[in-house]
Protein backbone atom coordinates (compact mmCIF):
# COMPACT_ATOMS: atom_id res chain seq x y z
CA UNK A 1 -16.47 -9.90 4.57
CA UNK A 2 -19.48 -7.80 3.54
CA UNK A 3 -22.29 -8.42 1.11
CA UNK A 4 -22.02 -8.54 -2.66
CA UNK A 5 -23.36 -6.04 -5.17
CA UNK A 6 -25.66 -7.91 -7.54
CA UNK A 7 -24.64 -5.78 -10.50
CA UNK A 8 -21.09 -6.97 -10.04
CA UNK A 9 -22.10 -10.63 -10.32
CA UNK A 10 -24.33 -10.58 -13.38
CA UNK A 11 -21.52 -11.51 -15.72
CA UNK A 12 -18.34 -13.45 -15.23
CA UNK A 13 -15.22 -11.97 -16.82
CA UNK A 14 -13.56 -13.65 -19.72
CA UNK A 15 -10.45 -15.52 -18.59
CA UNK A 16 -8.49 -13.79 -21.34
CA UNK A 17 -8.86 -10.04 -21.47
CA UNK A 18 -6.41 -7.87 -23.36
CA UNK A 19 -5.39 -5.80 -20.35
CA UNK A 20 -2.26 -4.50 -22.06
CA UNK A 21 -4.23 -2.85 -24.86
CA UNK A 22 -6.49 -1.03 -22.40
CA UNK A 23 -3.53 0.11 -20.34
CA UNK A 24 -1.71 1.49 -23.38
CA UNK A 25 -4.78 3.49 -24.30
CA UNK A 26 -4.74 5.06 -20.84
CA UNK A 27 -1.16 6.30 -21.43
CA UNK A 28 0.03 5.68 -17.90
CA UNK A 29 3.46 4.90 -16.50
CA UNK A 30 5.77 1.95 -16.08
CA UNK A 31 4.62 -1.52 -15.12
CA UNK A 32 4.73 -2.20 -11.36
CA UNK A 33 3.21 -5.71 -11.30
CA UNK A 34 2.89 -8.14 -14.20
CA UNK A 35 0.90 -11.39 -14.01
CA UNK A 36 0.43 -13.73 -16.97
CA UNK A 37 -1.32 -17.08 -16.72
CA UNK A 38 -1.00 -17.15 -12.93
CA UNK A 39 -2.86 -19.85 -11.01
CA UNK A 40 -3.15 -21.33 -7.52
CA UNK A 41 -4.22 -24.88 -6.68
CA UNK A 42 -4.51 -26.84 -3.45
CA UNK A 43 -4.49 -30.47 -4.48
CA UNK A 44 -7.39 -30.91 -6.89
CA UNK A 45 -9.05 -27.63 -5.90
CA UNK A 46 -8.38 -24.64 -8.15
CA UNK A 47 -8.51 -21.28 -6.35
CA UNK A 48 -7.19 -19.04 -9.16
CA UNK A 49 -6.89 -19.93 -12.82
CA UNK A 50 -5.05 -18.23 -15.67
CA UNK A 51 -4.94 -14.73 -14.14
CA UNK A 52 -3.44 -12.10 -16.45
CA UNK A 53 -3.17 -8.58 -15.05
CA UNK A 54 -0.80 -5.66 -15.41
CA UNK A 55 -0.70 -2.74 -12.97
CA UNK A 56 1.07 0.45 -13.99
CA UNK A 57 2.12 3.66 -12.31
CA UNK A 58 -0.71 6.16 -11.97
CA UNK A 59 -3.56 3.66 -12.26
CA UNK A 60 -6.53 3.40 -9.90
CA UNK A 61 -8.03 -0.11 -9.75
CA UNK A 62 -11.12 -1.60 -8.13
CA UNK A 63 -10.63 -5.32 -7.46
CA UNK A 64 -14.08 -6.93 -7.33
CA UNK A 65 -15.37 -10.37 -6.44
CA UNK A 66 -17.76 -12.19 -4.14
CA UNK A 67 -16.71 -13.92 -0.94
CA UNK A 68 -14.59 -16.96 -1.73
CA UNK A 69 -13.88 -15.85 -5.30
CA UNK A 70 -10.11 -15.68 -4.75
CA UNK A 71 -9.55 -11.96 -4.03
CA UNK A 72 -7.55 -12.56 -0.86
CA UNK A 73 -5.41 -15.18 -2.59
CA UNK A 74 -4.73 -12.79 -5.47
CA UNK A 75 -3.81 -10.05 -3.00
CA UNK A 76 -1.31 -12.37 -1.31
CA UNK A 77 0.28 -13.02 -4.71
CA UNK A 78 0.61 -9.28 -5.36
CA UNK A 79 2.40 -8.82 -2.03
CA UNK A 80 4.54 -11.93 -2.54
CA UNK A 81 3.25 -13.49 0.69
CA UNK A 82 1.63 -16.57 -0.86
CA UNK A 83 3.90 -19.66 -0.88
CA UNK A 84 2.93 -20.40 -4.49
CA UNK A 85 4.08 -16.94 -5.60
CA UNK A 86 7.60 -18.42 -5.80
CA UNK A 87 6.58 -21.10 -8.32
CA UNK A 88 4.65 -18.97 -10.82
CA UNK A 89 6.10 -18.88 -14.33
CA UNK A 90 5.20 -15.21 -14.85
CA UNK A 91 4.56 -13.29 -11.64
CA UNK A 92 6.82 -10.25 -11.82
CA UNK A 93 6.96 -7.98 -8.78
CA UNK A 94 8.83 -4.74 -8.03
CA UNK A 95 12.35 -4.85 -6.64
CA UNK A 96 14.53 -1.92 -5.64
CA UNK A 97 17.13 -1.11 -8.26
CA UNK A 98 20.72 -0.55 -7.11
CA UNK A 99 20.29 3.22 -7.47
CA UNK A 100 17.29 3.34 -5.17
CA UNK A 101 16.92 4.96 -1.80
CA UNK A 102 13.83 5.63 0.28
CA UNK A 103 14.51 9.31 0.03
CA UNK A 104 13.71 12.34 -2.09
CA UNK A 105 15.75 12.91 -5.18
CA UNK A 106 18.24 15.72 -5.11
CA UNK A 107 15.87 17.92 -7.13
CA UNK A 108 12.70 17.21 -5.18
CA UNK A 109 11.45 17.41 -1.64
CA UNK A 110 8.03 15.94 -2.34
CA UNK A 111 8.67 12.58 -4.00
CA UNK A 112 10.70 9.60 -2.83
CA UNK A 113 13.47 8.20 -4.95
CA UNK A 114 12.04 4.70 -5.36
CA UNK A 115 13.56 3.26 -8.55
CA UNK A 116 12.29 -0.23 -9.18
CA UNK A 117 12.76 -3.04 -11.64
CA UNK A 118 10.61 -6.14 -12.19
CA UNK A 119 11.74 -9.63 -11.23
CA UNK A 120 10.09 -13.01 -10.66
CA UNK A 121 9.06 -13.47 -7.03
CA UNK A 122 11.89 -15.92 -6.32
CA UNK A 123 14.40 -13.21 -7.31
CA UNK A 124 12.65 -10.40 -5.41
CA UNK A 125 13.79 -9.86 -1.80
CA UNK A 126 10.87 -9.71 0.61
CA UNK A 127 12.36 -6.56 2.17
CA UNK A 128 12.08 -4.82 -1.21
CA UNK A 129 8.39 -5.72 -1.48
CA UNK A 130 7.73 -4.38 2.01
CA UNK A 131 9.32 -1.08 0.97
CA UNK A 132 7.64 -0.77 -2.43
CA UNK A 133 4.10 -1.94 -1.58
CA UNK A 134 1.94 -0.23 1.05
CA UNK A 135 -0.84 -2.43 2.41
CA UNK A 136 -3.93 -2.02 4.56
CA UNK A 137 -5.94 -5.22 5.03
CA UNK A 138 -7.90 -7.20 7.64
CA UNK A 139 -4.98 -9.63 7.77
CA UNK A 140 -2.50 -6.83 8.52
CA UNK A 141 -4.83 -5.42 11.18
CA UNK A 142 -4.94 -8.84 12.88
CA UNK A 143 -1.18 -9.40 12.56
CA UNK A 144 0.20 -5.97 13.41
CA UNK A 145 1.91 -6.26 16.80
CA UNK A 146 -0.10 -4.76 19.62
CA UNK A 147 2.08 -6.15 22.38
CA UNK A 148 5.34 -4.44 21.56
CA UNK A 149 6.26 -2.61 24.75
CA UNK A 150 4.92 0.90 24.47
CA UNK A 151 4.84 1.25 20.67
CA UNK A 152 3.59 4.75 19.93
CA UNK A 153 1.60 6.03 16.96
CA UNK A 154 4.77 7.76 15.75
CA UNK A 155 6.75 4.52 15.85
CA UNK A 156 3.94 2.63 14.08
CA UNK A 157 3.82 5.18 11.25
CA UNK A 158 7.62 5.19 10.88
CA UNK A 159 7.62 1.40 10.31
CA UNK A 160 6.00 2.21 6.96
CA UNK A 161 9.36 3.27 5.52
CA UNK A 162 10.59 -0.31 5.69
CA UNK A 163 7.31 -2.19 5.94
CA UNK A 164 8.32 -4.02 9.12
CA UNK A 165 6.48 -4.55 12.37
CA UNK A 166 9.23 -3.58 14.80
CA UNK A 167 9.83 0.09 15.69
CA UNK A 168 12.91 1.43 13.95
CA UNK A 169 15.89 2.39 16.06
CA UNK A 170 16.03 6.15 16.40
CA UNK A 171 12.25 6.70 16.20
CA UNK A 172 11.59 6.36 19.93
CA UNK A 173 11.02 10.09 20.34
CA UNK A 174 8.14 11.79 18.56
CA UNK A 175 9.51 13.94 15.74
CA UNK A 176 12.76 12.02 15.37
CA UNK A 177 13.92 9.44 12.80
CA UNK A 178 17.33 7.88 12.33
CA UNK A 179 18.27 6.43 8.94
CA UNK A 180 20.57 3.39 9.09
CA UNK A 181 23.82 3.26 7.11
CA UNK A 182 22.63 0.31 4.99
CA UNK A 183 19.83 2.45 3.56
CA UNK A 184 22.25 5.05 2.21
CA UNK A 185 24.35 2.96 -0.16
CA UNK A 186 27.95 1.86 0.16
CA UNK A 187 29.27 3.84 -2.82
CA UNK A 188 29.05 7.19 -1.01
CA UNK A 189 31.89 8.89 0.81
CA UNK A 190 31.44 9.64 4.50
CA UNK A 191 30.62 13.28 3.74
CA UNK A 192 28.13 12.35 1.02
CA UNK A 193 26.58 9.73 3.28
CA UNK A 194 25.95 12.22 6.08
CA UNK A 195 24.48 14.71 3.63
CA UNK A 196 22.18 12.03 2.22
CA UNK A 197 21.23 10.93 5.73
CA UNK A 198 20.15 14.46 6.64
CA UNK A 199 18.11 14.74 3.42
CA UNK A 200 16.35 11.43 3.98
CA UNK A 201 15.63 12.08 7.65
CA UNK A 202 14.28 15.55 6.90
CA UNK A 203 11.99 14.19 4.16
CA UNK A 204 10.74 11.29 6.28
CA UNK A 205 9.97 13.46 9.29
CA UNK A 206 8.06 15.89 7.05
CA UNK A 207 6.09 13.00 5.54
CA UNK A 208 5.14 11.68 8.97
CA UNK A 209 3.80 15.06 10.02
CA UNK A 210 1.98 15.35 6.69
CA UNK A 211 0.02 12.10 7.16
CA UNK A 212 -0.57 12.86 10.85
CA UNK A 213 -1.95 16.28 9.94
CA UNK A 214 -4.18 14.97 7.14
CA UNK A 215 -5.47 11.86 8.94
CA UNK A 216 -5.04 12.72 12.62
CA UNK A 217 -7.80 13.69 15.10
CA UNK A 218 -8.09 17.28 13.90
CA UNK A 219 -9.28 15.94 10.54
CA UNK A 220 -12.09 13.77 11.93
CA UNK A 221 -12.67 14.23 15.66
CA UNK A 222 -16.05 15.54 16.82
CA UNK A 223 -14.47 16.81 20.03
CA UNK A 224 -14.37 20.55 20.56
CA UNK A 225 -10.70 20.26 21.52
CA UNK A 226 -9.19 17.43 19.45
CA UNK A 227 -5.67 16.21 20.13
CA UNK A 228 -2.85 17.88 18.28
CA UNK A 229 -0.77 15.84 15.87
CA UNK A 230 2.05 15.63 18.42
CA UNK A 231 -0.29 14.47 21.20
CA UNK A 232 -1.79 11.80 18.96
CA UNK A 233 1.66 10.71 17.76
CA UNK A 234 2.73 10.14 21.38
CA UNK A 235 -0.20 7.86 22.23
CA UNK A 236 0.28 4.12 22.62
CA UNK A 237 -0.93 2.17 19.61
CA UNK A 238 -2.57 -0.38 21.93
CA UNK A 239 -4.63 2.37 23.60
CA UNK A 240 -6.33 3.43 20.35
CA UNK A 241 -9.82 2.39 19.31
CA UNK A 242 -10.05 -0.12 16.41
CA UNK A 243 -10.98 2.71 14.04
CA UNK A 244 -8.02 4.81 15.17
CA UNK A 245 -5.68 1.83 14.81
CA UNK A 246 -6.88 1.31 11.24
CA UNK A 247 -6.33 4.94 10.32
CA UNK A 248 -2.79 4.74 11.75
CA UNK A 249 -2.17 1.66 9.59
CA UNK A 250 -3.32 3.70 6.58
CA UNK A 251 -0.81 6.41 7.53
CA UNK A 252 1.82 3.67 7.69
CA UNK A 253 0.89 2.41 4.20
CA UNK A 254 1.05 5.88 2.63
CA UNK A 255 3.93 7.55 4.44
CA UNK A 256 6.79 6.39 2.19
CA UNK A 257 4.86 7.06 -1.05
CA UNK A 258 5.35 3.48 -2.30
CA UNK A 259 4.80 2.80 -6.02
CA UNK A 260 1.88 0.44 -5.21
CA UNK A 261 -0.78 0.82 -2.51
CA UNK A 262 -3.27 -1.99 -1.74
CA UNK A 263 -6.36 -1.00 0.26
CA UNK A 264 -8.42 -4.04 1.29
CA UNK A 265 -11.66 -3.19 3.13
CA UNK A 266 -9.89 -0.06 4.27
CA UNK A 267 -13.02 1.65 5.68
CA UNK A 268 -13.86 -1.16 8.10
CA UNK A 269 -14.34 0.00 11.69
CA UNK A 270 -14.10 3.72 10.93
CA UNK A 271 -16.66 6.38 11.67
CA UNK A 272 -18.00 8.81 9.08
CA UNK A 273 -15.54 11.56 10.00
CA UNK A 274 -12.54 9.26 9.53
CA UNK A 275 -13.84 8.03 6.19
CA UNK A 276 -14.39 11.60 4.94
CA UNK A 277 -10.86 12.58 6.00
CA UNK A 278 -9.39 9.55 4.24
CA UNK A 279 -11.32 10.17 1.03
CA UNK A 280 -10.27 13.80 1.03
CA UNK A 281 -6.60 12.97 1.57
CA UNK A 282 -6.54 10.22 -1.06
CA UNK A 283 -8.32 12.18 -3.77
CA UNK A 284 -7.46 15.83 -3.09
CA UNK A 285 -4.90 16.13 -0.33
CA UNK A 286 -1.86 14.49 -1.87
CA UNK A 287 -2.27 11.16 -0.10
CA UNK A 288 -1.17 9.36 -3.25
CA UNK A 289 0.64 10.92 -6.18
CA UNK A 290 0.06 10.59 -9.91
CA UNK A 291 2.97 8.19 -10.19
CA UNK A 292 1.59 5.75 -7.62
CA UNK A 293 -0.80 2.90 -8.41
CA UNK A 294 -3.67 2.07 -6.05
CA UNK A 295 -5.81 -1.07 -5.87
CA UNK A 296 -8.98 -0.87 -3.75
CA UNK A 297 -10.46 -4.23 -2.76
CA UNK A 298 -14.14 -3.90 -1.85
CA UNK A 299 -17.58 -5.24 -2.79
CA UNK A 300 -19.03 -1.78 -3.21
CA UNK A 301 -18.41 0.81 -5.93
CA UNK A 302 -19.22 3.66 -3.54
CA UNK A 303 -16.29 2.69 -1.29
CA UNK A 304 -13.78 3.46 -4.06
CA UNK A 305 -12.50 7.02 -3.43
CA UNK A 306 -12.12 7.80 -7.12
CA UNK A 307 -15.05 7.90 -9.53
CA UNK A 308 -15.69 7.91 -13.25
CA UNK A 309 -13.48 6.79 -16.08
CA UNK A 310 -10.34 7.16 -14.01
CA UNK A 311 -11.08 3.91 -12.17
CA UNK A 312 -10.37 0.57 -13.85
CA UNK A 313 -11.93 -2.70 -12.69
CA UNK A 314 -10.59 -6.22 -12.35
CA UNK A 315 -13.14 -8.86 -11.38
CA UNK A 316 -12.62 -12.34 -9.95
CA UNK A 317 -15.36 -14.90 -10.63
CA UNK A 318 -14.93 -18.41 -9.23
CA UNK A 319 -11.16 -18.19 -9.58
CA UNK A 320 -11.16 -16.68 -13.07
CA UNK A 321 -10.29 -13.02 -13.45
CA UNK A 322 -10.21 -10.28 -16.01
CA UNK A 323 -10.50 -6.57 -16.71
CA UNK A 324 -14.12 -5.43 -17.03
């Protein structure tokens, strides 16, 4: 991971910072993630100690810390991937409520109908976390399957609706998506189910084209004749450059409009045109909505798309963390 900004290391954060007071003053939305007194140890070695942090809808966070400070471990707790996330006394993560569906509400065509509640990790299904948290990270880039036979850009982006790695059935053709029965709820009649299916599929297809338009080659290519969104969507994921693969993984993280988005070293491997397109989409182009929370993990202030008082900071220092 990259170098460390000296200004960020001059002072260690207090292990106890009243994050809740600061959040209330910001008048933002509901809590998405709630950590109180969270810690991680391997034998006698303490990696994280007494971490207290609350993330709410609408917030923009910059997670800071030097190499080895515990940022990656904290990120794996937020996603529920760390084995010790199951044993924490107070690590509450989002879970889909019974009324939820990865679809627009009946009165909106621009926002998904993600209704979540908070539960301890051991009571939160992993599938719910994959749906409610969009992630871009070096670990995801290394793990994302590149050997799946013929996976296209379209199929890779569509996996963002469920957070999985395997192309969803019904997304084999560019411009098509099929919503499975289990996503629609069992309380609906057959007629209602088909109506809901059409609504969800229409919204998802529109979202895919939205991210492909905003972050596809026409937004950053220096070629005089860049690929169209449909041409790019039909390309094999394995045939893309590392920078193009990373921008597709960002599309995947944003496409379902999850309540929480985690961007860890998101600019790595991208050229200037890609970075400009991403900044523009995140800050001005509707990439994330006011009701979504975003955490950017980077050493550098200038890599955070948002500036000024709208960005809050959480710093890790030798395993101890706090709001700064």
